[in-house]
Amino acid sequence: MSDRGVTPRNADVTRSCSNPNSPFAFYKVVDKSKTLNYVNRGQVLASCKALNTGVTCSISKGASSTRTVQLGMTMKRAEITGSLGISSAATVSVNVTCTSPTMYSGQVFKAFPMGERHRYKVQRESLLGIEKTGWLYAFNPTVNGFACGF
């Protein structure tokens, strides 16, 4: 009996056969882990710079934080985010309100998004064997989650 048309029970598995001459292959997200309350210093939601010593800075701003997802092999963004249990939407709204301590001239006070950092690999299983990507990462911002600092 052929397994064509049978859906695998594992929701993390996606079938792909973009090349009709390729062997049938399964793609899935494996080796998943996540870090909660991760501050993404690669994104700045807002910032202010002290022009004089002895001043404080207040940030109050509505902003959008970007959900980032690294892709592997032939898996699409929606397939990876679905396997990680996060939304595939590109942005999350964040309302930032924070006040700096007393600053020195030239210091920059910044607001960064906070959320979950996912670490994972994409695995391809076919008649030719099993192949995995290196570590890939996704950042899933928390609604109104942010951290402020220098």
N, C-alpha and C. Protein backbone atom coordinates (compact mmCIF):
# COMPACT_ATOMS: atom_id res chain seq x y z
N MET A 1 0.83 -1.17 0.00
CA MET A 1 0.00 0.00 0.00
C MET A 1 0.89 1.24 0.00
N SER A 2 0.57 2.22 -0.80
CA SER A 2 1.35 3.44 -0.91
C SER A 2 0.98 4.41 0.20
N ASP A 3 1.95 5.27 0.61
CA ASP A 3 1.65 6.27 1.62
C ASP A 3 1.26 7.61 0.99
N ARG A 4 1.03 7.65 -0.32
CA ARG A 4 0.61 8.89 -0.97
C ARG A 4 -0.75 9.31 -0.46
N GLY A 5 -0.88 10.60 -0.17
CA GLY A 5 -2.15 11.12 0.29
C GLY A 5 -2.38 10.96 1.78
N VAL A 6 -1.48 10.30 2.47
CA VAL A 6 -1.61 10.12 3.91
C VAL A 6 -0.90 11.28 4.60
N THR A 7 -1.59 11.96 5.48
CA THR A 7 -1.00 13.07 6.22
C THR A 7 -0.28 12.54 7.45
N PRO A 8 0.98 12.92 7.63
CA PRO A 8 1.70 12.47 8.82
C PRO A 8 1.02 12.99 10.09
N ARG A 9 1.09 12.22 11.16
CA ARG A 9 0.46 12.62 12.42
C ARG A 9 1.21 13.75 13.10
N ASN A 10 2.49 13.91 12.84
CA ASN A 10 3.29 14.95 13.46
C ASN A 10 3.03 16.27 12.75
N ALA A 11 2.44 17.26 13.45
CA ALA A 11 2.08 18.54 12.85
C ALA A 11 3.31 19.33 12.41
N ASP A 12 4.50 18.99 12.92
CA ASP A 12 5.71 19.71 12.54
C ASP A 12 6.25 19.28 11.18
N VAL A 13 5.67 18.27 10.59
CA VAL A 13 6.19 17.74 9.34
C VAL A 13 5.48 18.38 8.16
N THR A 14 6.25 18.80 7.18
CA THR A 14 5.70 19.36 5.95
C THR A 14 6.31 18.59 4.79
N ARG A 15 5.48 18.22 3.83
CA ARG A 15 6.00 17.52 2.66
C ARG A 15 6.32 18.53 1.58
N SER A 16 7.38 18.30 0.86
CA SER A 16 7.76 19.17 -0.25
C SER A 16 8.42 18.34 -1.32
N CYS A 17 8.06 18.62 -2.53
CA CYS A 17 8.68 17.94 -3.66
C CYS A 17 8.70 18.92 -4.82
N SER A 18 9.51 19.99 -4.69
CA SER A 18 9.54 21.03 -5.70
C SER A 18 10.16 20.54 -7.00
N ASN A 19 11.02 19.55 -6.95
CA ASN A 19 11.63 18.98 -8.13
C ASN A 19 11.06 17.57 -8.33
N PRO A 20 10.30 17.35 -9.44
CA PRO A 20 9.68 16.03 -9.63
C PRO A 20 10.68 14.88 -9.72
N ASN A 21 11.94 15.18 -10.01
CA ASN A 21 12.97 14.14 -10.09
C ASN A 21 13.61 13.84 -8.74
N SER A 22 13.28 14.64 -7.71
CA SER A 22 13.85 14.44 -6.38
C SER A 22 13.10 13.35 -5.64
N PRO A 23 13.77 12.66 -4.72
CA PRO A 23 13.05 11.70 -3.89
C PRO A 23 12.08 12.43 -2.96
N PHE A 24 11.03 11.77 -2.60
CA PHE A 24 10.04 12.32 -1.67
C PHE A 24 10.74 12.70 -0.38
N ALA A 25 10.44 13.88 0.16
CA ALA A 25 11.14 14.34 1.36
C ALA A 25 10.17 14.94 2.36
N PHE A 26 10.51 14.80 3.64
CA PHE A 26 9.78 15.43 4.75
C PHE A 26 10.68 16.51 5.34
N TYR A 27 10.10 17.66 5.63
CA TYR A 27 10.83 18.75 6.28
C TYR A 27 10.15 19.03 7.60
N LYS A 28 10.96 19.22 8.64
CA LYS A 28 10.38 19.55 9.93
C LYS A 28 11.35 20.37 10.76
N VAL A 29 10.79 21.08 11.74
CA VAL A 29 11.58 21.87 12.68
C VAL A 29 11.91 20.97 13.86
N VAL A 30 13.20 20.89 14.21
CA VAL A 30 13.66 20.00 15.28
C VAL A 30 14.58 20.75 16.24
N ASP A 31 14.91 20.10 17.33
CA ASP A 31 15.85 20.62 18.33
C ASP A 31 15.43 22.01 18.81
N LYS A 32 14.13 22.18 19.08
CA LYS A 32 13.59 23.48 19.45
C LYS A 32 13.84 23.80 20.92
N SER A 33 14.15 25.08 21.17
CA SER A 33 14.22 25.59 22.54
C SER A 33 13.88 27.07 22.48
N LYS A 34 13.50 27.64 23.64
CA LYS A 34 13.21 29.07 23.66
C LYS A 34 13.68 29.70 24.96
N THR A 35 14.00 30.98 24.85
CA THR A 35 14.40 31.79 25.98
C THR A 35 13.33 32.84 26.20
N LEU A 36 12.75 32.89 27.40
CA LEU A 36 11.72 33.88 27.72
C LEU A 36 12.36 35.19 28.16
N ASN A 37 11.62 36.28 28.05
CA ASN A 37 12.08 37.61 28.46
C ASN A 37 13.41 38.00 27.83
N TYR A 38 13.60 37.61 26.59
CA TYR A 38 14.81 37.94 25.84
C TYR A 38 14.71 39.38 25.35
N VAL A 39 15.74 40.18 25.62
CA VAL A 39 15.78 41.57 25.16
C VAL A 39 16.54 41.59 23.83
N ASN A 40 15.85 42.00 22.78
CA ASN A 40 16.45 42.02 21.44
C ASN A 40 17.14 43.36 21.21
N ARG A 41 18.42 43.41 21.50
CA ARG A 41 19.19 44.65 21.34
C ARG A 41 19.49 44.96 19.88
N GLY A 42 19.10 44.06 18.98
CA GLY A 42 19.26 44.31 17.54
C GLY A 42 18.18 45.23 16.99
N GLN A 43 17.12 45.45 17.73
CA GLN A 43 16.04 46.35 17.33
C GLN A 43 15.95 47.48 18.36
N VAL A 44 15.88 48.71 17.91
CA VAL A 44 15.69 49.84 18.81
C VAL A 44 14.31 50.43 18.52
N LEU A 45 13.45 50.47 19.53
CA LEU A 45 12.10 51.00 19.36
C LEU A 45 12.09 52.52 19.44
N ALA A 46 12.92 53.08 20.31
CA ALA A 46 13.03 54.52 20.48
C ALA A 46 14.32 54.81 21.21
N SER A 47 14.82 56.04 21.06
CA SER A 47 16.05 56.41 21.76
C SER A 47 16.08 57.92 21.98
N CYS A 48 16.92 58.33 22.92
CA CYS A 48 17.17 59.76 23.11
C CYS A 48 18.61 59.93 23.58
N LYS A 49 19.19 61.05 23.23
CA LYS A 49 20.59 61.32 23.54
C LYS A 49 20.68 62.57 24.42
N ALA A 50 21.50 62.50 25.46
CA ALA A 50 21.71 63.64 26.34
C ALA A 50 22.70 64.60 25.68
N LEU A 51 22.28 65.83 25.53
CA LEU A 51 23.19 66.85 24.97
C LEU A 51 23.99 67.54 26.06
N ASN A 52 23.49 67.42 27.30
CA ASN A 52 24.17 68.01 28.45
C ASN A 52 24.22 66.99 29.58
N THR A 53 25.20 67.13 30.45
CA THR A 53 25.30 66.28 31.63
C THR A 53 24.24 66.69 32.64
N GLY A 54 23.66 65.68 33.35
CA GLY A 54 22.72 65.96 34.42
C GLY A 54 21.26 65.94 34.02
N VAL A 55 20.97 65.61 32.77
CA VAL A 55 19.57 65.57 32.32
C VAL A 55 19.04 64.14 32.40
N THR A 56 17.71 64.02 32.42
CA THR A 56 17.06 62.71 32.29
C THR A 56 16.27 62.73 31.00
N CYS A 57 15.94 61.56 30.55
CA CYS A 57 15.23 61.42 29.29
C CYS A 57 14.00 60.55 29.52
N SER A 58 12.85 60.98 29.02
CA SER A 58 11.63 60.17 29.09
C SER A 58 11.22 59.77 27.70
N ILE A 59 10.95 58.48 27.53
CA ILE A 59 10.48 57.96 26.25
C ILE A 59 9.03 57.54 26.44
N SER A 60 8.17 57.99 25.57
CA SER A 60 6.77 57.58 25.56
C SER A 60 6.36 57.51 24.10
N LYS A 61 6.22 56.30 23.59
CA LYS A 61 6.01 56.14 22.15
C LYS A 61 5.30 54.84 21.84
N GLY A 62 4.43 54.88 20.86
CA GLY A 62 3.87 53.67 20.29
C GLY A 62 4.76 53.24 19.15
N ALA A 63 5.13 51.98 19.08
CA ALA A 63 6.05 51.51 18.05
C ALA A 63 5.65 50.11 17.61
N SER A 64 6.29 49.64 16.57
CA SER A 64 6.10 48.27 16.09
C SER A 64 7.41 47.51 16.25
N SER A 65 7.32 46.33 16.82
CA SER A 65 8.48 45.46 16.95
C SER A 65 8.38 44.38 15.88
N THR A 66 9.49 44.07 15.25
CA THR A 66 9.50 43.11 14.15
C THR A 66 9.71 41.69 14.63
N ARG A 67 8.85 40.78 14.16
CA ARG A 67 9.00 39.35 14.45
C ARG A 67 9.94 38.81 13.37
N THR A 68 11.08 38.30 13.77
CA THR A 68 12.06 37.79 12.81
C THR A 68 12.08 36.27 12.84
N VAL A 69 12.22 35.66 11.67
CA VAL A 69 12.24 34.20 11.54
C VAL A 69 13.28 33.84 10.48
N GLN A 70 14.29 33.06 10.87
CA GLN A 70 15.26 32.59 9.89
C GLN A 70 14.72 31.34 9.22
N LEU A 71 14.84 31.30 7.89
CA LEU A 71 14.32 30.17 7.12
C LEU A 71 15.42 29.17 6.84
N GLY A 72 15.02 27.91 6.66
CA GLY A 72 15.97 26.87 6.34
C GLY A 72 15.41 25.92 5.31
N MET A 73 16.29 25.50 4.40
CA MET A 73 15.93 24.59 3.32
C MET A 73 14.74 25.15 2.55
N THR A 74 13.69 24.37 2.35
CA THR A 74 12.55 24.87 1.56
C THR A 74 11.36 25.25 2.42
N MET A 75 11.52 25.25 3.74
CA MET A 75 10.37 25.58 4.61
C MET A 75 10.04 27.06 4.53
N LYS A 76 8.76 27.36 4.49
CA LYS A 76 8.28 28.73 4.42
C LYS A 76 8.10 29.30 5.83
N ARG A 77 8.02 30.62 5.90
CA ARG A 77 7.85 31.33 7.18
C ARG A 77 6.67 30.78 7.98
N ALA A 78 5.51 30.63 7.33
CA ALA A 78 4.30 30.17 8.03
C ALA A 78 4.48 28.74 8.56
N GLU A 79 5.21 27.90 7.85
CA GLU A 79 5.44 26.53 8.31
C GLU A 79 6.33 26.52 9.56
N ILE A 80 7.36 27.36 9.56
CA ILE A 80 8.26 27.41 10.71
C ILE A 80 7.58 28.03 11.91
N THR A 81 6.88 29.17 11.72
CA THR A 81 6.20 29.80 12.86
C THR A 81 5.11 28.89 13.41
N GLY A 82 4.42 28.16 12.54
CA GLY A 82 3.40 27.21 13.00
C GLY A 82 4.00 26.12 13.86
N SER A 83 5.16 25.64 13.46
CA SER A 83 5.84 24.60 14.22
C SER A 83 6.37 25.13 15.56
N LEU A 84 6.72 26.41 15.59
CA LEU A 84 7.21 27.01 16.83
C LEU A 84 6.06 27.48 17.73
N GLY A 85 4.85 27.51 17.18
CA GLY A 85 3.69 27.93 17.96
C GLY A 85 3.58 29.44 18.11
N ILE A 86 4.10 30.19 17.12
CA ILE A 86 4.01 31.64 17.16
C ILE A 86 3.31 32.15 15.90
N SER A 87 2.87 33.38 15.95
CA SER A 87 2.20 34.00 14.81
C SER A 87 3.18 34.23 13.67
N SER A 88 2.68 34.22 12.45
CA SER A 88 3.54 34.52 11.31
C SER A 88 3.47 36.01 10.93
N ALA A 89 2.65 36.80 11.65
CA ALA A 89 2.56 38.23 11.38
C ALA A 89 3.93 38.88 11.54
N ALA A 90 4.18 39.91 10.77
CA ALA A 90 5.51 40.52 10.74
C ALA A 90 5.81 41.43 11.92
N THR A 91 4.77 42.06 12.50
CA THR A 91 5.03 43.03 13.56
C THR A 91 4.10 42.85 14.75
N VAL A 92 4.50 43.44 15.88
CA VAL A 92 3.73 43.45 17.11
C VAL A 92 3.74 44.89 17.63
N SER A 93 2.60 45.39 18.10
CA SER A 93 2.53 46.75 18.65
C SER A 93 3.12 46.81 20.05
N VAL A 94 3.87 47.86 20.29
CA VAL A 94 4.51 48.05 21.59
C VAL A 94 4.31 49.52 22.01
N ASN A 95 3.81 49.73 23.21
CA ASN A 95 3.72 51.08 23.79
C ASN A 95 4.82 51.20 24.83
N VAL A 96 5.78 52.06 24.55
CA VAL A 96 6.96 52.21 25.39
C VAL A 96 6.82 53.45 26.27
N THR A 97 7.06 53.29 27.56
CA THR A 97 7.13 54.41 28.49
C THR A 97 8.22 54.11 29.51
N CYS A 98 9.28 54.90 29.49
CA CYS A 98 10.35 54.72 30.48
C CYS A 98 11.13 56.02 30.64
N THR A 99 11.78 56.15 31.78
CA THR A 99 12.57 57.34 32.09
C THR A 99 13.97 56.91 32.48
N SER A 100 14.94 57.62 31.96
CA SER A 100 16.34 57.29 32.24
C SER A 100 16.76 57.79 33.61
N PRO A 101 17.84 57.25 34.13
CA PRO A 101 18.48 57.89 35.28
C PRO A 101 19.21 59.15 34.78
N THR A 102 19.83 59.88 35.66
CA THR A 102 20.60 61.05 35.25
C THR A 102 21.70 60.63 34.28
N MET A 103 21.79 61.38 33.19
CA MET A 103 22.70 60.99 32.10
C MET A 103 23.88 61.95 31.97
N TYR A 104 24.95 61.45 31.35
CA TYR A 104 26.11 62.26 31.00
C TYR A 104 25.94 62.73 29.57
N SER A 105 26.57 63.80 29.23
CA SER A 105 26.52 64.33 27.87
C SER A 105 27.00 63.26 26.88
N GLY A 106 26.20 63.03 25.85
CA GLY A 106 26.56 62.05 24.82
C GLY A 106 25.97 60.66 25.03
N GLN A 107 25.46 60.36 26.23
CA GLN A 107 24.86 59.05 26.48
C GLN A 107 23.56 58.91 25.70
N VAL A 108 23.28 57.70 25.24
CA VAL A 108 22.06 57.42 24.51
C VAL A 108 21.24 56.40 25.29
N PHE A 109 20.02 56.77 25.61
CA PHE A 109 19.07 55.90 26.33
C PHE A 109 18.16 55.27 25.28
N LYS A 110 17.98 53.95 25.33
CA LYS A 110 17.24 53.24 24.28
C LYS A 110 16.16 52.34 24.85
N ALA A 111 15.12 52.12 24.06
CA ALA A 111 14.08 51.15 24.38
C ALA A 111 14.18 50.00 23.37
N PHE A 112 14.24 48.77 23.87
CA PHE A 112 14.37 47.57 23.04
C PHE A 112 13.15 46.68 23.22
N PRO A 113 12.76 45.93 22.19
CA PRO A 113 11.65 44.99 22.36
C PRO A 113 12.08 43.78 23.18
N MET A 114 11.12 43.19 23.87
CA MET A 114 11.36 42.01 24.68
C MET A 114 10.38 40.92 24.25
N GLY A 115 10.80 39.68 24.31
CA GLY A 115 9.92 38.58 23.94
C GLY A 115 10.60 37.24 24.07
N GLU A 116 10.23 36.31 23.19
CA GLU A 116 10.81 34.96 23.20
C GLU A 116 11.83 34.84 22.07
N ARG A 117 12.95 34.22 22.38
CA ARG A 117 13.94 33.90 21.34
C ARG A 117 13.92 32.39 21.15
N HIS A 118 13.58 31.97 19.95
CA HIS A 118 13.51 30.55 19.62
C HIS A 118 14.78 30.14 18.89
N ARG A 119 15.28 28.95 19.24
CA ARG A 119 16.44 28.36 18.56
C ARG A 119 15.98 27.01 18.02
N TYR A 120 16.34 26.70 16.78
CA TYR A 120 15.85 25.47 16.14
C TYR A 120 16.71 25.12 14.93
N LYS A 121 16.46 23.94 14.41
CA LYS A 121 17.07 23.50 13.15
C LYS A 121 15.97 22.98 12.25
N VAL A 122 16.19 23.03 10.95
CA VAL A 122 15.27 22.43 9.98
C VAL A 122 15.93 21.14 9.51
N GLN A 123 15.13 20.07 9.51
CA GLN A 123 15.63 18.75 9.13
C GLN A 123 14.89 18.26 7.90
N ARG A 124 15.63 17.67 6.96
CA ARG A 124 15.07 17.07 5.75
C ARG A 124 15.32 15.57 5.82
N GLU A 125 14.24 14.81 5.70
CA GLU A 125 14.35 13.35 5.67
C GLU A 125 13.89 12.87 4.31
N SER A 126 14.73 12.10 3.65
CA SER A 126 14.38 11.56 2.33
C SER A 126 15.01 10.18 2.18
N LEU A 127 14.83 9.60 1.01
CA LEU A 127 15.46 8.31 0.73
C LEU A 127 16.98 8.41 0.72
N LEU A 128 17.47 9.63 0.57
CA LEU A 128 18.92 9.85 0.56
C LEU A 128 19.50 10.00 1.96
N GLY A 129 18.64 10.10 2.99
CA GLY A 129 19.11 10.23 4.36
C GLY A 129 18.53 11.44 5.06
N ILE A 130 19.16 11.81 6.16
CA ILE A 130 18.71 12.94 6.98
C ILE A 130 19.76 14.03 6.90
N GLU A 131 19.27 15.26 6.72
CA GLU A 131 20.14 16.43 6.63
C GLU A 131 19.55 17.52 7.52
N LYS A 132 20.41 18.25 8.27
CA LYS A 132 19.95 19.33 9.14
C LYS A 132 20.68 20.62 8.82
N THR A 133 19.99 21.73 9.06
CA THR A 133 20.64 23.03 8.96
C THR A 133 21.45 23.26 10.24
N GLY A 134 22.21 24.34 10.27
CA GLY A 134 22.81 24.80 11.51
C GLY A 134 21.73 25.47 12.34
N TRP A 135 22.12 26.07 13.45
CA TRP A 135 21.15 26.73 14.32
C TRP A 135 20.52 27.91 13.60
N LEU A 136 19.20 28.01 13.72
CA LEU A 136 18.43 29.13 13.19
C LEU A 136 17.70 29.77 14.37
N TYR A 137 17.31 31.05 14.21
CA TYR A 137 16.70 31.79 15.32
C TYR A 137 15.45 32.55 14.87
N ALA A 138 14.53 32.69 15.79
CA ALA A 138 13.33 33.51 15.58
C ALA A 138 13.15 34.36 16.84
N PHE A 139 12.68 35.59 16.63
CA PHE A 139 12.35 36.46 17.76
C PHE A 139 10.86 36.74 17.70
N ASN A 140 10.15 36.41 18.78
CA ASN A 140 8.72 36.61 18.88
C ASN A 140 8.46 37.67 19.96
N PRO A 141 8.25 38.94 19.54
CA PRO A 141 8.06 40.01 20.53
C PRO A 141 6.78 39.85 21.32
N THR A 142 6.82 40.27 22.57
CA THR A 142 5.65 40.28 23.44
C THR A 142 4.91 41.59 23.22
N VAL A 143 3.57 41.52 23.15
CA VAL A 143 2.78 42.75 23.03
C VAL A 143 3.09 43.63 24.23
N ASN A 144 3.48 44.86 23.96
CA ASN A 144 3.86 45.85 24.97
C ASN A 144 5.02 45.40 25.85
N GLY A 145 5.85 44.50 25.34
CA GLY A 145 7.04 44.08 26.07
C GLY A 145 8.25 44.88 25.62
N PHE A 146 8.94 45.50 26.55
CA PHE A 146 10.12 46.29 26.21
C PHE A 146 11.05 46.39 27.41
N ALA A 147 12.28 46.78 27.14
CA ALA A 147 13.28 47.02 28.18
C ALA A 147 14.02 48.29 27.80
N CYS A 148 14.40 49.09 28.77
CA CYS A 148 15.10 50.34 28.51
C CYS A 148 16.47 50.32 29.17
N GLY A 149 17.42 50.96 28.53
CA GLY A 149 18.75 51.04 29.10
C GLY A 149 19.73 51.68 28.13
N PHE A 150 21.01 51.61 28.50
CA PHE A 150 22.06 52.21 27.68
C PHE A 150 22.71 51.19 26.81
